[in-house]
Amino acid sequence: MLTFDRLLTRIAHVMSWIALVFLAFMMFAITIDVVARALSGRAVPGLFEMSEMSMAMVVFMGLGATLLDDGHIRVTLLTEVPYVFRLPSGRSHAAISW
């Protein structure tokens, strides 16, 4: 059982590295797409679809490492920002719902 646990841990770590590669690809691809749109006015064909696929790969390949860390995925939006940028609670709820 211990060897099976080690195998699954190793697989989860490999998948998290693959997710990191997809995340880096997505970052560079979107940057290239924005620069191409600014310079030529046209997007790079197929880059949007590859970014969509990369997002799915990042999410699902990162789940194993999240489980190993006993963590959870959360999204921070306007409510858990540093104090300098924090909105009063009523305004932040209004901004989120808008």
N, C-alpha and C. Protein backbone atom coordinates (compact mmCIF):
# COMPACT_ATOMS: atom_id res chain seq x y z
N MET A 1 0.81 -1.20 0.00
CA MET A 1 0.00 0.00 0.00
C MET A 1 0.85 1.26 0.00
N LEU A 2 1.99 1.19 0.69
CA LEU A 2 2.87 2.34 0.77
C LEU A 2 3.47 2.67 -0.61
N THR A 3 3.82 1.64 -1.38
CA THR A 3 4.36 1.89 -2.72
C THR A 3 3.30 2.47 -3.65
N PHE A 4 2.06 2.04 -3.48
CA PHE A 4 0.97 2.61 -4.28
C PHE A 4 0.76 4.09 -3.94
N ASP A 5 0.88 4.42 -2.66
CA ASP A 5 0.76 5.81 -2.22
C ASP A 5 1.89 6.65 -2.80
N ARG A 6 3.09 6.12 -2.80
CA ARG A 6 4.23 6.84 -3.38
C ARG A 6 4.04 7.04 -4.88
N LEU A 7 3.51 6.01 -5.54
CA LEU A 7 3.27 6.11 -6.98
C LEU A 7 2.25 7.22 -7.27
N LEU A 8 1.17 7.24 -6.53
CA LEU A 8 0.16 8.28 -6.74
C LEU A 8 0.69 9.68 -6.42
N THR A 9 1.53 9.77 -5.40
CA THR A 9 2.14 11.06 -5.06
C THR A 9 3.05 11.53 -6.18
N ARG A 10 3.84 10.63 -6.72
CA ARG A 10 4.73 10.99 -7.83
C ARG A 10 3.92 11.41 -9.06
N ILE A 11 2.85 10.68 -9.35
CA ILE A 11 1.99 11.04 -10.49
C ILE A 11 1.38 12.43 -10.27
N ALA A 12 0.94 12.72 -9.06
CA ALA A 12 0.36 14.03 -8.77
C ALA A 12 1.38 15.14 -8.95
N HIS A 13 2.63 14.89 -8.55
CA HIS A 13 3.67 15.91 -8.73
C HIS A 13 4.00 16.12 -10.20
N VAL A 14 4.05 15.04 -10.96
CA VAL A 14 4.31 15.17 -12.40
C VAL A 14 3.18 15.94 -13.07
N MET A 15 1.95 15.63 -12.70
CA MET A 15 0.80 16.34 -13.28
C MET A 15 0.82 17.83 -12.90
N SER A 16 1.26 18.15 -11.70
CA SER A 16 1.32 19.57 -11.31
C SER A 16 2.39 20.30 -12.11
N TRP A 17 3.49 19.64 -12.45
CA TRP A 17 4.50 20.27 -13.30
C TRP A 17 3.98 20.45 -14.72
N ILE A 18 3.22 19.49 -15.19
CA ILE A 18 2.61 19.63 -16.51
C ILE A 18 1.61 20.79 -16.50
N ALA A 19 0.86 20.93 -15.42
CA ALA A 19 -0.07 22.05 -15.30
C ALA A 19 0.69 23.37 -15.31
N LEU A 20 1.85 23.40 -14.68
CA LEU A 20 2.66 24.61 -14.68
C LEU A 20 3.13 24.97 -16.08
N VAL A 21 3.48 23.96 -16.87
CA VAL A 21 3.89 24.21 -18.26
C VAL A 21 2.73 24.78 -19.06
N PHE A 22 1.54 24.22 -18.88
CA PHE A 22 0.36 24.75 -19.58
C PHE A 22 0.06 26.17 -19.13
N LEU A 23 0.25 26.46 -17.85
CA LEU A 23 0.01 27.82 -17.35
C LEU A 23 0.99 28.81 -17.96
N ALA A 24 2.26 28.41 -18.06
CA ALA A 24 3.25 29.28 -18.68
C ALA A 24 2.94 29.49 -20.17
N PHE A 25 2.54 28.41 -20.84
CA PHE A 25 2.15 28.55 -22.25
C PHE A 25 0.98 29.52 -22.40
N MET A 26 0.00 29.39 -21.52
CA MET A 26 -1.18 30.25 -21.60
C MET A 26 -0.79 31.70 -21.36
N MET A 27 0.11 31.95 -20.42
CA MET A 27 0.55 33.30 -20.13
C MET A 27 1.25 33.93 -21.35
N PHE A 28 2.18 33.19 -21.93
CA PHE A 28 2.89 33.72 -23.09
C PHE A 28 1.98 33.84 -24.31
N ALA A 29 1.08 32.90 -24.50
CA ALA A 29 0.19 32.93 -25.66
C ALA A 29 -0.75 34.13 -25.60
N ILE A 30 -1.30 34.40 -24.44
CA ILE A 30 -2.20 35.55 -24.31
C ILE A 30 -1.43 36.85 -24.49
N THR A 31 -0.20 36.91 -23.98
CA THR A 31 0.62 38.10 -24.17
C THR A 31 0.93 38.32 -25.65
N ILE A 32 1.27 37.26 -26.35
CA ILE A 32 1.55 37.37 -27.79
C ILE A 32 0.30 37.79 -28.54
N ASP A 33 -0.85 37.26 -28.15
CA ASP A 33 -2.11 37.60 -28.81
C ASP A 33 -2.44 39.08 -28.60
N VAL A 34 -2.23 39.59 -27.40
CA VAL A 34 -2.52 41.01 -27.13
C VAL A 34 -1.58 41.91 -27.93
N VAL A 35 -0.31 41.55 -27.99
CA VAL A 35 0.64 42.35 -28.76
C VAL A 35 0.30 42.30 -30.24
N ALA A 36 -0.06 41.13 -30.76
CA ALA A 36 -0.43 41.01 -32.17
C ALA A 36 -1.67 41.82 -32.50
N ARG A 37 -2.65 41.83 -31.58
CA ARG A 37 -3.85 42.64 -31.82
C ARG A 37 -3.53 44.12 -31.81
N ALA A 38 -2.61 44.53 -30.93
CA ALA A 38 -2.26 45.95 -30.85
C ALA A 38 -1.48 46.39 -32.07
N LEU A 39 -0.61 45.53 -32.59
CA LEU A 39 0.23 45.92 -33.72
C LEU A 39 -0.45 45.75 -35.06
N SER A 40 -1.15 44.64 -35.25
CA SER A 40 -1.72 44.37 -36.58
C SER A 40 -3.23 44.47 -36.62
N GLY A 41 -3.87 44.49 -35.46
CA GLY A 41 -5.32 44.56 -35.44
C GLY A 41 -5.99 43.20 -35.62
N ARG A 42 -5.20 42.14 -35.71
CA ARG A 42 -5.76 40.80 -35.88
C ARG A 42 -5.19 39.87 -34.82
N ALA A 43 -6.00 38.91 -34.42
CA ALA A 43 -5.55 37.92 -33.43
C ALA A 43 -4.80 36.79 -34.12
N VAL A 44 -4.02 36.08 -33.36
CA VAL A 44 -3.33 34.90 -33.87
C VAL A 44 -4.36 33.78 -33.99
N PRO A 45 -4.52 33.18 -35.17
CA PRO A 45 -5.55 32.16 -35.34
C PRO A 45 -5.31 30.93 -34.44
N GLY A 46 -6.37 30.50 -33.77
CA GLY A 46 -6.32 29.30 -32.96
C GLY A 46 -5.78 29.48 -31.56
N LEU A 47 -5.26 30.66 -31.25
CA LEU A 47 -4.66 30.87 -29.93
C LEU A 47 -5.71 30.92 -28.83
N PHE A 48 -6.88 31.43 -29.14
CA PHE A 48 -7.95 31.48 -28.13
C PHE A 48 -8.37 30.07 -27.74
N GLU A 49 -8.51 29.19 -28.72
CA GLU A 49 -8.91 27.81 -28.44
C GLU A 49 -7.83 27.06 -27.65
N MET A 50 -6.57 27.32 -27.98
CA MET A 50 -5.49 26.68 -27.23
C MET A 50 -5.44 27.20 -25.80
N SER A 51 -5.77 28.47 -25.59
CA SER A 51 -5.82 29.01 -24.24
C SER A 51 -6.96 28.38 -23.44
N GLU A 52 -8.09 28.15 -24.09
CA GLU A 52 -9.20 27.47 -23.41
C GLU A 52 -8.81 26.07 -22.97
N MET A 53 -8.14 25.33 -23.87
CA MET A 53 -7.71 23.97 -23.54
C MET A 53 -6.66 23.99 -22.42
N SER A 54 -5.79 24.97 -22.46
CA SER A 54 -4.76 25.09 -21.43
C SER A 54 -5.37 25.37 -20.07
N MET A 55 -6.42 26.17 -20.04
CA MET A 55 -7.08 26.47 -18.76
C MET A 55 -7.67 25.20 -18.16
N ALA A 56 -8.30 24.38 -18.99
CA ALA A 56 -8.85 23.12 -18.49
C ALA A 56 -7.74 22.20 -17.99
N MET A 57 -6.63 22.15 -18.70
CA MET A 57 -5.51 21.32 -18.28
C MET A 57 -4.92 21.81 -16.96
N VAL A 58 -4.80 23.11 -16.79
CA VAL A 58 -4.25 23.67 -15.55
C VAL A 58 -5.14 23.30 -14.37
N VAL A 59 -6.44 23.44 -14.54
CA VAL A 59 -7.36 23.16 -13.44
C VAL A 59 -7.34 21.69 -13.06
N PHE A 60 -7.52 20.81 -14.02
CA PHE A 60 -7.68 19.41 -13.70
C PHE A 60 -6.36 18.70 -13.39
N MET A 61 -5.27 19.15 -13.96
CA MET A 61 -4.00 18.52 -13.63
C MET A 61 -3.45 19.02 -12.30
N GLY A 62 -3.93 20.16 -11.83
CA GLY A 62 -3.50 20.67 -10.54
C GLY A 62 -4.29 20.13 -9.37
N LEU A 63 -5.35 19.39 -9.64
CA LEU A 63 -6.20 18.88 -8.55
C LEU A 63 -5.49 17.85 -7.67
N GLY A 64 -4.63 17.03 -8.25
CA GLY A 64 -3.92 16.03 -7.46
C GLY A 64 -2.99 16.67 -6.44
N ALA A 65 -2.26 17.69 -6.85
CA ALA A 65 -1.36 18.38 -5.93
C ALA A 65 -2.16 19.12 -4.86
N THR A 66 -3.31 19.65 -5.23
CA THR A 66 -4.17 20.32 -4.25
C THR A 66 -4.65 19.33 -3.20
N LEU A 67 -4.99 18.14 -3.63
CA LEU A 67 -5.42 17.11 -2.69
C LEU A 67 -4.29 16.69 -1.77
N LEU A 68 -3.07 16.56 -2.30
CA LEU A 68 -1.92 16.19 -1.48
C LEU A 68 -1.61 17.25 -0.43
N ASP A 69 -1.80 18.51 -0.77
CA ASP A 69 -1.56 19.61 0.17
C ASP A 69 -2.71 19.79 1.14
N ASP A 70 -3.76 18.99 0.99
CA ASP A 70 -4.97 19.10 1.80
C ASP A 70 -5.52 20.52 1.72
N GLY A 71 -5.54 21.03 0.51
CA GLY A 71 -5.98 22.39 0.29
C GLY A 71 -7.26 22.43 -0.51
N HIS A 72 -7.65 23.62 -0.86
CA HIS A 72 -8.80 23.82 -1.71
C HIS A 72 -8.54 25.02 -2.60
N ILE A 73 -9.25 25.07 -3.69
CA ILE A 73 -9.08 26.16 -4.64
C ILE A 73 -10.11 27.22 -4.31
N ARG A 74 -9.66 28.44 -4.22
CA ARG A 74 -10.59 29.54 -3.94
C ARG A 74 -10.23 30.72 -4.83
N VAL A 75 -11.20 31.55 -5.03
CA VAL A 75 -11.02 32.75 -5.84
C VAL A 75 -11.17 33.94 -4.92
N THR A 76 -10.18 34.82 -4.95
CA THR A 76 -10.23 36.03 -4.13
C THR A 76 -10.64 37.18 -5.04
N LEU A 77 -11.69 37.87 -4.67
CA LEU A 77 -12.20 38.93 -5.52
C LEU A 77 -12.69 40.08 -4.67
N LEU A 78 -11.96 41.15 -4.63
CA LEU A 78 -12.33 42.41 -3.99
C LEU A 78 -12.60 42.35 -2.49
N THR A 79 -12.67 41.20 -1.89
CA THR A 79 -12.98 41.16 -0.47
C THR A 79 -11.76 40.82 0.37
N GLU A 80 -10.78 40.13 -0.21
CA GLU A 80 -9.59 39.75 0.54
C GLU A 80 -8.35 40.36 -0.08
N VAL A 81 -8.36 41.65 -0.30
CA VAL A 81 -7.21 42.35 -0.85
C VAL A 81 -6.53 43.10 0.28
N PRO A 82 -5.30 43.56 0.07
CA PRO A 82 -4.63 44.31 1.13
C PRO A 82 -5.46 45.53 1.57
N TYR A 83 -5.22 45.98 2.78
CA TYR A 83 -6.04 47.04 3.38
C TYR A 83 -6.04 48.31 2.54
N VAL A 84 -4.94 48.59 1.86
CA VAL A 84 -4.84 49.82 1.07
C VAL A 84 -5.90 49.83 -0.03
N PHE A 85 -6.18 48.66 -0.62
CA PHE A 85 -7.12 48.58 -1.73
C PHE A 85 -8.50 48.11 -1.32
N ARG A 86 -8.74 47.89 -0.05
CA ARG A 86 -10.00 47.32 0.41
C ARG A 86 -11.13 48.34 0.33
N LEU A 87 -12.26 47.90 -0.18
CA LEU A 87 -13.46 48.73 -0.21
C LEU A 87 -14.28 48.47 1.04
N PRO A 88 -15.04 49.44 1.48
CA PRO A 88 -15.97 49.14 2.58
C PRO A 88 -16.91 48.01 2.17
N SER A 89 -17.39 47.25 3.14
CA SER A 89 -18.10 46.00 2.84
C SER A 89 -19.31 46.21 1.95
N GLY A 90 -20.09 47.24 2.17
CA GLY A 90 -21.27 47.47 1.33
C GLY A 90 -20.90 47.77 -0.10
N ARG A 91 -19.85 48.54 -0.29
CA ARG A 91 -19.42 48.89 -1.65
C ARG A 91 -18.81 47.70 -2.37
N SER A 92 -18.09 46.85 -1.64
CA SER A 92 -17.50 45.70 -2.32
C SER A 92 -18.58 44.73 -2.79
N HIS A 93 -19.64 44.56 -2.01
CA HIS A 93 -20.73 43.69 -2.44
C HIS A 93 -21.46 44.30 -3.63
N ALA A 94 -21.59 45.60 -3.63
CA ALA A 94 -22.22 46.28 -4.78
C ALA A 94 -21.35 46.14 -6.02
N ALA A 95 -20.02 46.24 -5.85
CA ALA A 95 -19.12 46.13 -6.99
C ALA A 95 -19.12 44.71 -7.55
N ILE A 96 -19.18 43.72 -6.66
CA ILE A 96 -19.20 42.34 -7.13
C ILE A 96 -20.51 42.03 -7.85
N SER A 97 -21.60 42.50 -7.32
CA SER A 97 -22.90 42.18 -7.93
C SER A 97 -23.12 42.98 -9.21
N TRP A 98 -22.43 44.08 -9.39
CA TRP A 98 -22.59 44.86 -10.60
C TRP A 98 -22.01 44.08 -11.74
